[in-house]
Amino acid sequence: QVQLVESGGGLVQAGGSLRLTCAASGRPFNNYVMGWFRQAPGKEREFVAGIRWSNANTAYADSLKGRFTISRDNAQNTVYLQMNSLKPEDTAVYYCGSTVGNGNLYIPLVAREYAYWGQGTQVTVSS
C-alpha cells in the first residue's frame, strides 16, 4: 500500500517562498513517477511538476517554470517542491501523486493517470 504524506504548506506573503515535502512509503519507488498537483476552489486539479525516481527526469507546467523546482531524495523516499516568488494565484491545495512510470522518461501531466494521492496541504499566498 503506497502512502503519501504532504507537509510544508502555510500562509505566506506574495513574493515569499515555501518548500513542500511529500514523504512516500509502502514499496520500492524505483520505477515510479511522483507528481505535484494543485487544486483551487472551483477548479480542476492541475499539474505543477513531476519527477522520475530512477533518473530524476523532470517536467513542469509551462506557467511555473523558473519559479518552482521539484527534487527528490531517494534515501529518504521524499519529494520536494520549492516554490519561490509566490503569487496570490498560487493559492490552492497542493497534492502529491504517484504512479508506476512507463518507459524511462514519461511523466504524466493529468491527474487521472496517477494511482495514489496524499491528503494535500494548503498553500495560501496573501497580496
N, C-alpha and C. Protein backbone atom coordinates (compact mmCIF):
# COMPACT_ATOMS: atom_id res chain seq x y z
N GLN A 1 0.85 -1.19 0.00
CA GLN A 1 0.00 0.00 0.00
C GLN A 1 0.89 1.24 0.00
N VAL A 2 0.74 2.05 -1.03
CA VAL A 2 1.51 3.28 -1.12
C VAL A 2 0.87 4.34 -0.24
N GLN A 3 1.68 5.01 0.53
CA GLN A 3 1.19 6.13 1.34
C GLN A 3 2.02 7.36 1.03
N LEU A 4 1.32 8.47 0.85
CA LEU A 4 1.96 9.74 0.56
C LEU A 4 1.49 10.76 1.58
N VAL A 5 2.41 11.46 2.19
CA VAL A 5 2.06 12.45 3.20
C VAL A 5 2.74 13.77 2.86
N GLU A 6 1.91 14.77 2.59
CA GLU A 6 2.44 16.10 2.26
C GLU A 6 2.56 16.95 3.52
N SER A 7 3.48 17.88 3.49
CA SER A 7 3.63 18.84 4.57
C SER A 7 4.33 20.08 4.01
N GLY A 8 4.33 21.14 4.80
CA GLY A 8 5.07 22.34 4.42
C GLY A 8 4.22 23.49 3.94
N GLY A 9 2.91 23.28 3.80
CA GLY A 9 2.04 24.36 3.37
C GLY A 9 1.88 25.39 4.47
N GLY A 10 1.22 26.49 4.10
CA GLY A 10 1.00 27.55 5.08
C GLY A 10 0.61 28.84 4.42
N LEU A 11 0.66 29.91 5.21
CA LEU A 11 0.32 31.25 4.74
C LEU A 11 1.61 32.02 4.52
N VAL A 12 1.73 32.63 3.36
CA VAL A 12 2.93 33.38 3.01
C VAL A 12 2.52 34.62 2.23
N GLN A 13 3.31 35.66 2.34
CA GLN A 13 3.03 36.87 1.58
C GLN A 13 3.52 36.72 0.14
N ALA A 14 2.91 37.47 -0.73
CA ALA A 14 3.33 37.46 -2.13
C ALA A 14 4.82 37.79 -2.22
N GLY A 15 5.52 37.05 -3.07
CA GLY A 15 6.96 37.21 -3.19
C GLY A 15 7.76 36.27 -2.31
N GLY A 16 7.10 35.62 -1.38
CA GLY A 16 7.77 34.72 -0.47
C GLY A 16 7.97 33.34 -1.05
N SER A 17 8.51 32.44 -0.23
CA SER A 17 8.83 31.08 -0.66
C SER A 17 8.29 30.06 0.33
N LEU A 18 8.03 28.88 -0.17
CA LEU A 18 7.68 27.73 0.64
C LEU A 18 8.31 26.50 0.02
N ARG A 19 8.60 25.51 0.86
CA ARG A 19 9.05 24.21 0.35
C ARG A 19 8.09 23.15 0.86
N LEU A 20 7.45 22.47 -0.07
CA LEU A 20 6.55 21.38 0.27
C LEU A 20 7.33 20.07 0.26
N THR A 21 6.90 19.16 1.12
CA THR A 21 7.52 17.85 1.24
C THR A 21 6.47 16.77 1.06
N CYS A 22 6.83 15.73 0.33
CA CYS A 22 5.98 14.55 0.17
C CYS A 22 6.79 13.33 0.61
N ALA A 23 6.38 12.74 1.71
CA ALA A 23 7.04 11.54 2.21
C ALA A 23 6.30 10.31 1.70
N ALA A 24 7.01 9.44 1.00
CA ALA A 24 6.41 8.26 0.39
C ALA A 24 6.83 6.99 1.12
N SER A 25 5.91 6.05 1.24
CA SER A 25 6.23 4.78 1.88
C SER A 25 5.35 3.69 1.30
N GLY A 26 5.74 2.45 1.53
CA GLY A 26 4.89 1.33 1.16
C GLY A 26 5.49 0.36 0.18
N ARG A 27 6.45 0.80 -0.62
CA ARG A 27 7.06 -0.11 -1.59
C ARG A 27 8.28 0.57 -2.19
N PRO A 28 9.11 -0.17 -2.90
CA PRO A 28 10.21 0.49 -3.63
C PRO A 28 9.65 1.37 -4.73
N PHE A 29 10.24 2.54 -4.91
CA PHE A 29 9.70 3.50 -5.86
C PHE A 29 10.58 3.69 -7.08
N ASN A 30 11.51 2.80 -7.31
CA ASN A 30 12.49 2.99 -8.38
C ASN A 30 11.85 3.30 -9.73
N ASN A 31 10.75 2.63 -10.08
CA ASN A 31 10.16 2.84 -11.40
C ASN A 31 8.89 3.69 -11.31
N TYR A 32 8.80 4.50 -10.28
CA TYR A 32 7.62 5.34 -10.09
C TYR A 32 7.86 6.77 -10.55
N VAL A 33 6.76 7.43 -10.84
CA VAL A 33 6.73 8.86 -11.11
C VAL A 33 6.06 9.53 -9.92
N MET A 34 6.60 10.66 -9.51
CA MET A 34 5.99 11.47 -8.46
C MET A 34 5.59 12.81 -9.06
N GLY A 35 4.39 13.23 -8.75
CA GLY A 35 3.92 14.49 -9.30
C GLY A 35 3.33 15.38 -8.23
N TRP A 36 3.48 16.67 -8.43
CA TRP A 36 2.79 17.67 -7.61
C TRP A 36 1.68 18.29 -8.46
N PHE A 37 0.51 18.33 -7.87
CA PHE A 37 -0.65 18.96 -8.50
C PHE A 37 -1.21 19.98 -7.51
N ARG A 38 -2.07 20.87 -8.00
CA ARG A 38 -2.75 21.80 -7.12
C ARG A 38 -4.19 21.97 -7.57
N GLN A 39 -5.01 22.32 -6.60
CA GLN A 39 -6.43 22.49 -6.89
C GLN A 39 -6.95 23.68 -6.09
N ALA A 40 -7.40 24.69 -6.82
CA ALA A 40 -8.02 25.85 -6.21
C ALA A 40 -9.53 25.63 -6.15
N PRO A 41 -10.23 26.34 -5.27
CA PRO A 41 -11.69 26.15 -5.16
C PRO A 41 -12.38 26.37 -6.49
N GLY A 42 -13.22 25.41 -6.86
CA GLY A 42 -13.99 25.52 -8.08
C GLY A 42 -13.24 25.21 -9.35
N LYS A 43 -11.99 24.77 -9.21
CA LYS A 43 -11.17 24.47 -10.39
C LYS A 43 -10.73 23.01 -10.37
N GLU A 44 -10.30 22.54 -11.53
CA GLU A 44 -9.80 21.17 -11.63
C GLU A 44 -8.39 21.09 -11.06
N ARG A 45 -8.03 19.88 -10.72
CA ARG A 45 -6.67 19.62 -10.23
C ARG A 45 -5.71 19.77 -11.42
N GLU A 46 -4.70 20.60 -11.25
CA GLU A 46 -3.80 20.87 -12.35
C GLU A 46 -2.37 20.47 -12.02
N PHE A 47 -1.66 20.06 -13.06
CA PHE A 47 -0.28 19.62 -12.94
C PHE A 47 0.62 20.80 -12.61
N VAL A 48 1.53 20.56 -11.67
CA VAL A 48 2.52 21.55 -11.30
C VAL A 48 3.92 21.10 -11.75
N ALA A 49 4.32 19.92 -11.31
CA ALA A 49 5.66 19.41 -11.64
C ALA A 49 5.69 17.91 -11.38
N GLY A 50 6.60 17.21 -12.06
CA GLY A 50 6.75 15.78 -11.86
C GLY A 50 8.20 15.37 -11.96
N ILE A 51 8.52 14.20 -11.39
CA ILE A 51 9.89 13.73 -11.39
C ILE A 51 9.90 12.21 -11.39
N ARG A 52 10.86 11.62 -12.09
CA ARG A 52 11.06 10.18 -12.08
C ARG A 52 12.04 9.83 -10.96
N TRP A 53 11.68 8.84 -10.14
CA TRP A 53 12.57 8.43 -9.07
C TRP A 53 13.92 7.95 -9.62
N SER A 54 13.88 7.19 -10.72
CA SER A 54 15.08 6.48 -11.15
C SER A 54 16.16 7.40 -11.70
N ASN A 55 15.76 8.41 -12.48
CA ASN A 55 16.77 9.21 -13.17
C ASN A 55 16.58 10.70 -12.97
N ALA A 56 15.63 11.09 -12.12
CA ALA A 56 15.39 12.50 -11.80
C ALA A 56 14.96 13.31 -13.00
N ASN A 57 14.46 12.67 -14.06
CA ASN A 57 13.88 13.43 -15.16
C ASN A 57 12.70 14.24 -14.62
N THR A 58 12.59 15.49 -15.05
CA THR A 58 11.55 16.35 -14.51
C THR A 58 10.69 16.96 -15.62
N ALA A 59 9.52 17.40 -15.21
CA ALA A 59 8.62 18.13 -16.09
C ALA A 59 7.90 19.18 -15.26
N TYR A 60 7.59 20.31 -15.90
CA TYR A 60 6.93 21.41 -15.21
C TYR A 60 5.79 21.96 -16.05
N ALA A 61 4.79 22.49 -15.38
CA ALA A 61 3.79 23.30 -16.07
C ALA A 61 4.51 24.52 -16.64
N ASP A 62 4.21 24.84 -17.88
CA ASP A 62 4.92 25.93 -18.55
C ASP A 62 4.85 27.24 -17.76
N SER A 63 3.70 27.50 -17.17
CA SER A 63 3.49 28.77 -16.49
C SER A 63 4.28 28.88 -15.19
N LEU A 64 4.83 27.75 -14.70
CA LEU A 64 5.51 27.76 -13.42
C LEU A 64 7.02 27.58 -13.54
N LYS A 65 7.50 27.32 -14.74
CA LYS A 65 8.94 27.15 -14.93
C LYS A 65 9.68 28.39 -14.46
N GLY A 66 10.77 28.15 -13.75
CA GLY A 66 11.57 29.26 -13.25
C GLY A 66 11.22 29.68 -11.84
N ARG A 67 10.02 29.38 -11.38
CA ARG A 67 9.64 29.71 -10.00
C ARG A 67 9.58 28.48 -9.11
N PHE A 68 9.18 27.35 -9.67
CA PHE A 68 9.02 26.13 -8.89
C PHE A 68 10.08 25.12 -9.30
N THR A 69 10.58 24.37 -8.33
CA THR A 69 11.58 23.34 -8.59
C THR A 69 11.23 22.08 -7.83
N ILE A 70 11.18 20.96 -8.54
CA ILE A 70 10.91 19.67 -7.92
C ILE A 70 12.22 18.91 -7.78
N SER A 71 12.35 18.19 -6.69
CA SER A 71 13.55 17.38 -6.47
C SER A 71 13.17 16.18 -5.61
N ARG A 72 14.09 15.21 -5.53
CA ARG A 72 13.79 14.04 -4.68
C ARG A 72 15.04 13.59 -3.96
N ASP A 73 14.79 12.97 -2.82
CA ASP A 73 15.85 12.36 -2.01
C ASP A 73 15.54 10.87 -1.95
N ASN A 74 16.27 10.10 -2.73
CA ASN A 74 15.97 8.67 -2.81
C ASN A 74 16.16 7.97 -1.47
N ALA A 75 17.17 8.36 -0.74
CA ALA A 75 17.46 7.71 0.54
C ALA A 75 16.32 7.92 1.54
N GLN A 76 15.66 9.08 1.45
CA GLN A 76 14.59 9.42 2.38
C GLN A 76 13.20 9.14 1.80
N ASN A 77 13.15 8.67 0.54
CA ASN A 77 11.85 8.47 -0.13
C ASN A 77 10.99 9.72 -0.03
N THR A 78 11.61 10.85 -0.32
CA THR A 78 10.94 12.13 -0.17
C THR A 78 11.09 12.96 -1.43
N VAL A 79 10.01 13.64 -1.78
CA VAL A 79 10.00 14.54 -2.92
C VAL A 79 9.68 15.94 -2.40
N TYR A 80 10.35 16.91 -2.97
CA TYR A 80 10.19 18.29 -2.54
C TYR A 80 9.67 19.16 -3.69
N LEU A 81 8.98 20.21 -3.32
CA LEU A 81 8.60 21.24 -4.27
C LEU A 81 8.98 22.58 -3.67
N GLN A 82 10.02 23.17 -4.23
CA GLN A 82 10.45 24.50 -3.80
C GLN A 82 9.70 25.54 -4.61
N MET A 83 9.00 26.43 -3.92
CA MET A 83 8.18 27.43 -4.60
C MET A 83 8.69 28.81 -4.21
N ASN A 84 9.13 29.56 -5.21
CA ASN A 84 9.66 30.90 -4.99
C ASN A 84 8.79 31.94 -5.68
N SER A 85 8.98 33.18 -5.28
CA SER A 85 8.24 34.31 -5.88
C SER A 85 6.75 34.00 -5.95
N LEU A 86 6.21 33.56 -4.85
CA LEU A 86 4.81 33.13 -4.84
C LEU A 86 3.87 34.29 -5.11
N LYS A 87 2.76 33.95 -5.77
CA LYS A 87 1.75 34.92 -6.15
C LYS A 87 0.41 34.51 -5.54
N PRO A 88 -0.51 35.44 -5.37
CA PRO A 88 -1.83 35.07 -4.83
C PRO A 88 -2.51 33.98 -5.66
N GLU A 89 -2.28 33.96 -6.95
CA GLU A 89 -2.91 32.93 -7.79
C GLU A 89 -2.31 31.55 -7.59
N ASP A 90 -1.25 31.45 -6.81
CA ASP A 90 -0.71 30.13 -6.45
C ASP A 90 -1.46 29.50 -5.28
N THR A 91 -2.39 30.24 -4.70
CA THR A 91 -3.17 29.73 -3.59
C THR A 91 -4.00 28.52 -4.02
N ALA A 92 -3.84 27.41 -3.31
CA ALA A 92 -4.51 26.17 -3.66
C ALA A 92 -4.15 25.12 -2.62
N VAL A 93 -4.84 23.98 -2.70
CA VAL A 93 -4.39 22.79 -2.00
C VAL A 93 -3.43 22.06 -2.94
N TYR A 94 -2.26 21.74 -2.42
CA TYR A 94 -1.24 21.07 -3.21
C TYR A 94 -1.20 19.59 -2.83
N TYR A 95 -1.25 18.75 -3.86
CA TYR A 95 -1.30 17.30 -3.67
C TYR A 95 -0.08 16.64 -4.29
N CYS A 96 0.37 15.60 -3.62
CA CYS A 96 1.42 14.74 -4.14
C CYS A 96 0.77 13.48 -4.70
N GLY A 97 1.15 13.11 -5.91
CA GLY A 97 0.61 11.90 -6.53
C GLY A 97 1.74 10.99 -6.98
N SER A 98 1.40 9.71 -7.14
CA SER A 98 2.40 8.74 -7.54
C SER A 98 1.77 7.68 -8.44
N THR A 99 2.57 7.18 -9.37
CA THR A 99 2.10 6.09 -10.22
C THR A 99 3.31 5.40 -10.83
N VAL A 100 3.10 4.19 -11.31
CA VAL A 100 4.18 3.49 -11.99
C VAL A 100 4.47 4.20 -13.31
N GLY A 101 5.74 4.42 -13.57
CA GLY A 101 6.12 5.12 -14.78
C GLY A 101 6.27 4.21 -15.98
N ASN A 102 5.87 4.70 -17.15
CA ASN A 102 6.09 3.99 -18.40
C ASN A 102 7.40 4.44 -19.01
N GLY A 103 8.20 3.46 -19.47
CA GLY A 103 9.49 3.83 -20.05
C GLY A 103 10.39 4.43 -18.99
N ASN A 104 11.33 5.25 -19.46
CA ASN A 104 12.30 5.86 -18.55
C ASN A 104 12.08 7.35 -18.33
N LEU A 105 11.35 7.99 -19.22
CA LEU A 105 11.27 9.45 -19.17
C LEU A 105 9.86 9.99 -19.00
N TYR A 106 8.86 9.18 -19.29
CA TYR A 106 7.49 9.70 -19.35
C TYR A 106 7.01 10.17 -17.99
N ILE A 107 6.42 11.36 -17.95
CA ILE A 107 5.82 11.92 -16.75
C ILE A 107 4.41 12.35 -17.09
N PRO A 108 3.40 11.70 -16.53
CA PRO A 108 2.01 12.07 -16.84
C PRO A 108 1.72 13.50 -16.38
N LEU A 109 0.92 14.19 -17.17
CA LEU A 109 0.58 15.58 -16.87
C LEU A 109 -0.86 15.74 -16.41
N VAL A 110 -1.60 14.65 -16.31
CA VAL A 110 -3.01 14.74 -15.92
C VAL A 110 -3.24 13.89 -14.67
N ALA A 111 -4.13 14.36 -13.83
CA ALA A 111 -4.32 13.72 -12.53
C ALA A 111 -4.84 12.30 -12.65
N ARG A 112 -5.66 12.02 -13.66
CA ARG A 112 -6.27 10.70 -13.75
C ARG A 112 -5.25 9.59 -14.00
N GLU A 113 -4.05 9.93 -14.39
CA GLU A 113 -3.02 8.93 -14.64
C GLU A 113 -2.23 8.57 -13.38
N TYR A 114 -2.54 9.20 -12.29
CA TYR A 114 -1.85 8.91 -11.03
C TYR A 114 -2.73 8.02 -10.16
N ALA A 115 -2.13 6.97 -9.62
CA ALA A 115 -2.90 5.97 -8.88
C ALA A 115 -3.00 6.28 -7.39
N TYR A 116 -2.05 6.98 -6.85
CA TYR A 116 -2.00 7.21 -5.42
C TYR A 116 -1.89 8.71 -5.14
N TRP A 117 -2.54 9.12 -4.04
CA TRP A 117 -2.56 10.53 -3.67
C TRP A 117 -2.39 10.71 -2.18
N GLY A 118 -1.78 11.83 -1.82
CA GLY A 118 -1.76 12.24 -0.43
C GLY A 118 -3.01 13.04 -0.09
N GLN A 119 -3.06 13.53 1.14
CA GLN A 119 -4.24 14.23 1.62
C GLN A 119 -4.24 15.71 1.25
N GLY A 120 -3.09 16.21 0.80
CA GLY A 120 -3.00 17.61 0.39
C GLY A 120 -2.52 18.52 1.50
N THR A 121 -1.94 19.64 1.10
CA THR A 121 -1.51 20.66 2.05
C THR A 121 -1.88 22.02 1.48
N GLN A 122 -2.47 22.86 2.31
CA GLN A 122 -2.98 24.16 1.88
C GLN A 122 -1.84 25.17 1.77
N VAL A 123 -1.82 25.86 0.65
CA VAL A 123 -0.89 26.97 0.45
C VAL A 123 -1.73 28.22 0.19
N THR A 124 -1.54 29.24 0.99
CA THR A 124 -2.27 30.49 0.83
C THR A 124 -1.26 31.62 0.69
N VAL A 125 -1.39 32.37 -0.40
CA VAL A 125 -0.49 33.49 -0.66
C VAL A 125 -1.29 34.78 -0.56
N SER A 126 -0.92 35.62 0.35
CA SER A 126 -1.64 36.88 0.55
C SER A 126 -0.98 37.99 -0.27
N SER A 127 -1.81 38.93 -0.69
CA SER A 127 -1.31 40.04 -1.52
C SER A 127 -0.85 41.21 -0.67
